């Protein structure tokens, strides 16, 4: 019996989670603990759900996600946290490279990637350049 349970757990690790089958509360509970390789899928599912919510509900859901993320990462050292964030950025960047610009925007990963990158660079496959922010007075 133990071998069967171990085998099922191992298969689950290989194929990852199906976040679409999880409740909102379950998604909140794993915020900050999702495996780096699965963060893109996790964020896509969060984006889908938030788009379907009323504004007030989405705001509350986002607040709970942020609180859970902070709680679930509070015992990490700064070095561990930075390494995790860099690994997430790389994993999400690799996922974005497999998507069209339209797919990326629709999935919410473009927006998420920009939040991961403190330099505020565009998604890896986009040629988005920062817009010239000259004021009307300068023209």
C-alpha atoms as a PDB file:
ATOM      1  CA  UNK A   1       0.000   0.000   0.000  1.00  0.00           C
ATOM      2  CA  UNK A   2       2.822   2.403   0.858  1.00  0.00           C
ATOM      3  CA  UNK A   3       4.399   1.718  -2.539  1.00  0.00           C
ATOM      4  CA  UNK A   4       1.159   2.655  -4.311  1.00  0.00           C
ATOM      5  CA  UNK A   5       0.847   5.921  -2.372  1.00  0.00           C
ATOM      6  CA  UNK A   6       4.498   6.757  -3.055  1.00  0.00           C
ATOM      7  CA  UNK A   7       4.070   5.962  -6.759  1.00  0.00           C
ATOM      8  CA  UNK A   8       0.992   8.195  -6.997  1.00  0.00           C
ATOM      9  CA  UNK A   9       2.802  11.018  -5.236  1.00  0.00           C
ATOM     10  CA  UNK A  10       5.760  10.614  -7.588  1.00  0.00           C
ATOM     11  CA  UNK A  11       3.501  10.674 -10.663  1.00  0.00           C
ATOM     12  CA  UNK A  12       1.879  13.821  -9.277  1.00  0.00           C
ATOM     13  CA  UNK A  13       5.284  15.460  -9.056  1.00  0.00           C
ATOM     14  CA  UNK A  14       6.113  14.479 -12.627  1.00  0.00           C
ATOM     15  CA  UNK A  15       2.940  15.812 -14.156  1.00  0.00           C
ATOM     16  CA  UNK A  16       2.301  18.702 -11.811  1.00  0.00           C
ATOM     17  CA  UNK A  17      -0.946  20.062 -10.476  1.00  0.00           C
ATOM     18  CA  UNK A  18      -4.154  20.711 -12.328  1.00  0.00           C
ATOM     19  CA  UNK A  19      -4.808  24.096 -10.795  1.00  0.00           C
ATOM     20  CA  UNK A  20      -8.164  24.369 -12.572  1.00  0.00           C
ATOM     21  CA  UNK A  21      -9.528  21.632 -10.289  1.00  0.00           C
ATOM     22  CA  UNK A  22      -8.489  23.428  -7.101  1.00  0.00           C
ATOM     23  CA  UNK A  23     -10.763  25.718  -5.114  1.00  0.00           C
ATOM     24  CA  UNK A  24      -9.899  29.364  -4.611  1.00  0.00           C
ATOM     25  CA  UNK A  25      -9.024  28.596  -0.997  1.00  0.00           C
ATOM     26  CA  UNK A  26      -6.673  25.804  -2.074  1.00  0.00           C
ATOM     27  CA  UNK A  27      -4.979  28.145  -4.548  1.00  0.00           C
ATOM     28  CA  UNK A  28      -4.578  30.737  -1.814  1.00  0.00           C
ATOM     29  CA  UNK A  29      -3.140  28.095   0.511  1.00  0.00           C
ATOM     30  CA  UNK A  30      -0.308  27.201  -1.856  1.00  0.00           C
ATOM     31  CA  UNK A  31       0.608  30.780  -2.771  1.00  0.00           C
ATOM     32  CA  UNK A  32       4.365  31.166  -2.410  1.00  0.00           C
ATOM     33  CA  UNK A  33       4.861  27.387  -2.241  1.00  0.00           C
ATOM     34  CA  UNK A  34       4.175  26.438  -5.858  1.00  0.00           C
ATOM     35  CA  UNK A  35       7.062  24.651  -7.548  1.00  0.00           C
ATOM     36  CA  UNK A  36       9.029  27.041  -9.753  1.00  0.00           C
ATOM     37  CA  UNK A  37       8.291  24.932 -12.839  1.00  0.00           C
ATOM     38  CA  UNK A  38       4.543  25.245 -12.207  1.00  0.00           C
ATOM     39  CA  UNK A  39       4.317  28.954 -11.410  1.00  0.00           C
ATOM     40  CA  UNK A  40       3.359  29.878 -14.983  1.00  0.00           C
ATOM     41  CA  UNK A  41       0.387  27.477 -14.950  1.00  0.00           C
ATOM     42  CA  UNK A  42      -0.559  28.671 -11.473  1.00  0.00           C
ATOM     43  CA  UNK A  43      -0.507  32.311 -12.578  1.00  0.00           C
ATOM     44  CA  UNK A  44      -2.529  31.538 -15.699  1.00  0.00           C
ATOM     45  CA  UNK A  45      -5.224  29.914 -13.553  1.00  0.00           C
ATOM     46  CA  UNK A  46      -5.230  32.831 -11.103  1.00  0.00           C
ATOM     47  CA  UNK A  47      -5.555  35.270 -14.008  1.00  0.00           C
ATOM     48  CA  UNK A  48      -8.527  33.354 -15.456  1.00  0.00           C
ATOM     49  CA  UNK A  49     -10.332  33.345 -12.135  1.00  0.00           C
ATOM     50  CA  UNK A  50      -9.668  36.986 -11.335  1.00  0.00           C
ATOM     51  CA  UNK A  51     -10.981  38.035 -14.772  1.00  0.00           C
ATOM     52  CA  UNK A  52     -14.281  36.288 -14.005  1.00  0.00           C
ATOM     53  CA  UNK A  53     -14.725  37.915 -10.585  1.00  0.00           C
ATOM     54  CA  UNK A  54     -16.458  41.140  -9.698  1.00  0.00           C
ATOM     55  CA  UNK A  55     -13.984  43.909  -8.931  1.00  0.00           C
ATOM     56  CA  UNK A  56     -14.507  43.760  -5.144  1.00  0.00           C
ATOM     57  CA  UNK A  57     -14.160  39.961  -5.098  1.00  0.00           C
ATOM     58  CA  UNK A  58     -11.031  40.095  -7.232  1.00  0.00           C
ATOM     59  CA  UNK A  59      -9.507  42.682  -4.923  1.00  0.00           C
ATOM     60  CA  UNK A  60     -10.229  40.517  -1.858  1.00  0.00           C
ATOM     61  CA  UNK A  61      -8.876  37.384  -3.605  1.00  0.00           C
ATOM     62  CA  UNK A  62      -5.695  39.238  -4.556  1.00  0.00           C
ATOM     63  CA  UNK A  63      -5.312  40.486  -0.979  1.00  0.00           C
ATOM     64  CA  UNK A  64      -5.614  36.938   0.378  1.00  0.00           C
ATOM     65  CA  UNK A  65      -3.092  35.665  -2.185  1.00  0.00           C
ATOM     66  CA  UNK A  66      -0.608  38.342  -1.164  1.00  0.00           C
ATOM     67  CA  UNK A  67      -1.052  37.591   2.546  1.00  0.00           C
ATOM     68  CA  UNK A  68      -0.638  33.838   1.968  1.00  0.00           C
ATOM     69  CA  UNK A  69       2.450  34.382  -0.167  1.00  0.00           C
ATOM     70  CA  UNK A  70       4.028  36.524   2.540  1.00  0.00           C
ATOM     71  CA  UNK A  71       3.163  33.953   5.228  1.00  0.00           C
ATOM     72  CA  UNK A  72       4.438  31.019   3.159  1.00  0.00           C
ATOM     73  CA  UNK A  73       7.744  32.713   2.336  1.00  0.00           C
ATOM     74  CA  UNK A  74       8.443  34.493   5.631  1.00  0.00           C
ATOM     75  CA  UNK A  75      10.918  31.830   6.821  1.00  0.00           C
ATOM     76  CA  UNK A  76      13.076  32.102   3.706  1.00  0.00           C
ATOM     77  CA  UNK A  77      16.333  33.962   3.907  1.00  0.00           C
ATOM     78  CA  UNK A  78      16.682  36.963   1.617  1.00  0.00           C
ATOM     79  CA  UNK A  79      19.125  34.971  -0.498  1.00  0.00           C
ATOM     80  CA  UNK A  80      16.682  32.047  -0.827  1.00  0.00           C
ATOM     81  CA  UNK A  81      13.841  34.415  -1.723  1.00  0.00           C
ATOM     82  CA  UNK A  82      15.894  36.217  -4.382  1.00  0.00           C
ATOM     83  CA  UNK A  83      17.039  32.907  -5.863  1.00  0.00           C
ATOM     84  CA  UNK A  84      13.450  31.674  -5.985  1.00  0.00           C
ATOM     85  CA  UNK A  85      12.244  34.850  -7.663  1.00  0.00           C
ATOM     86  CA  UNK A  86      15.032  34.666 -10.256  1.00  0.00           C
ATOM     87  CA  UNK A  87      14.205  31.005 -10.960  1.00  0.00           C
ATOM     88  CA  UNK A  88      10.527  31.914 -11.340  1.00  0.00           C
ATOM     89  CA  UNK A  89      11.415  34.737 -13.715  1.00  0.00           C
ATOM     90  CA  UNK A  90      13.481  32.366 -15.848  1.00  0.00           C
ATOM     91  CA  UNK A  91      10.806  29.648 -15.856  1.00  0.00           C
ATOM     92  CA  UNK A  92       8.051  32.113 -16.766  1.00  0.00           C
ATOM     93  CA  UNK A  93      10.300  33.659 -19.420  1.00  0.00           C
ATOM     94  CA  UNK A  94      10.858  30.247 -20.987  1.00  0.00           C
ATOM     95  CA  UNK A  95       7.110  29.588 -20.987  1.00  0.00           C
ATOM     96  CA  UNK A  96       6.438  32.962 -22.597  1.00  0.00           C
ATOM     97  CA  UNK A  97       8.861  32.141 -25.409  1.00  0.00           C
ATOM     98  CA  UNK A  98       6.571  29.267 -26.414  1.00  0.00           C
ATOM     99  CA  UNK A  99       3.559  31.576 -26.709  1.00  0.00           C
ATOM    100  CA  UNK A 100       2.424  34.134 -29.243  1.00  0.00           C
ATOM    101  CA  UNK A 101       2.114  37.726 -28.112  1.00  0.00           C
ATOM    102  CA  UNK A 102      -1.678  37.366 -28.065  1.00  0.00           C
ATOM    103  CA  UNK A 103      -1.553  34.152 -26.005  1.00  0.00           C
ATOM    104  CA  UNK A 104       0.854  35.767 -23.570  1.00  0.00           C
ATOM    105  CA  UNK A 105      -1.352  38.791 -23.013  1.00  0.00           C
ATOM    106  CA  UNK A 106      -4.501  36.682 -22.732  1.00  0.00           C
ATOM    107  CA  UNK A 107      -2.870  34.385 -20.166  1.00  0.00           C
ATOM    108  CA  UNK A 108      -1.728  37.285 -17.992  1.00  0.00           C
ATOM    109  CA  UNK A 109       1.902  36.099 -18.075  1.00  0.00           C
ATOM    110  CA  UNK A 110       3.125  39.255 -19.846  1.00  0.00           C
ATOM    111  CA  UNK A 111       1.855  41.355 -16.963  1.00  0.00           C
ATOM    112  CA  UNK A 112       3.166  38.903 -14.363  1.00  0.00           C
ATOM    113  CA  UNK A 113       6.616  38.827 -15.993  1.00  0.00           C
ATOM    114  CA  UNK A 114       6.895  42.609 -15.842  1.00  0.00           C
ATOM    115  CA  UNK A 115       6.205  42.445 -12.091  1.00  0.00           C
ATOM    116  CA  UNK A 116       8.968  39.871 -11.652  1.00  0.00           C
ATOM    117  CA  UNK A 117      11.498  42.042 -13.438  1.00  0.00           C
ATOM    118  CA  UNK A 118      12.561  45.084 -11.465  1.00  0.00           C
ATOM    119  CA  UNK A 119      14.051  46.554 -14.646  1.00  0.00           C
ATOM    120  CA  UNK A 120      10.544  46.440 -16.144  1.00  0.00           C
ATOM    121  CA  UNK A 121      11.724  44.842 -19.360  1.00  0.00           C
ATOM    122  CA  UNK A 122       9.201  43.538 -21.841  1.00  0.00           C
ATOM    123  CA  UNK A 123       8.400  39.857 -22.142  1.00  0.00           C
ATOM    124  CA  UNK A 124      11.327  37.909 -23.625  1.00  0.00           C
ATOM    125  CA  UNK A 125       9.778  37.529 -27.087  1.00  0.00           C
ATOM    126  CA  UNK A 126       8.277  40.991 -27.418  1.00  0.00           C
ATOM    127  CA  UNK A 127       9.950  43.964 -28.974  1.00  0.00           C
ATOM    128  CA  UNK A 128       8.053  46.350 -26.735  1.00  0.00           C
ATOM    129  CA  UNK A 129      10.105  49.450 -26.185  1.00  0.00           C
ATOM    130  CA  UNK A 130       9.418  51.860 -23.356  1.00  0.00           C
ATOM    131  CA  UNK A 131       7.204  54.624 -24.635  1.00  0.00           C
ATOM    132  CA  UNK A 132       8.690  58.067 -24.869  1.00  0.00           C
ATOM    133  CA  UNK A 133       7.232  59.866 -21.889  1.00  0.00           C
ATOM    134  CA  UNK A 134       7.907  63.432 -22.991  1.00  0.00           C
ATOM    135  CA  UNK A 135       5.290  65.820 -21.822  1.00  0.00           C
ATOM    136  CA  UNK A 136       3.226  67.938 -24.190  1.00  0.00           C
ATOM    137  CA  UNK A 137       5.240  70.957 -23.062  1.00  0.00           C
ATOM    138  CA  UNK A 138       8.428  69.426 -24.489  1.00  0.00           C
ATOM    139  CA  UNK A 139       6.933  69.151 -27.980  1.00  0.00           C
END
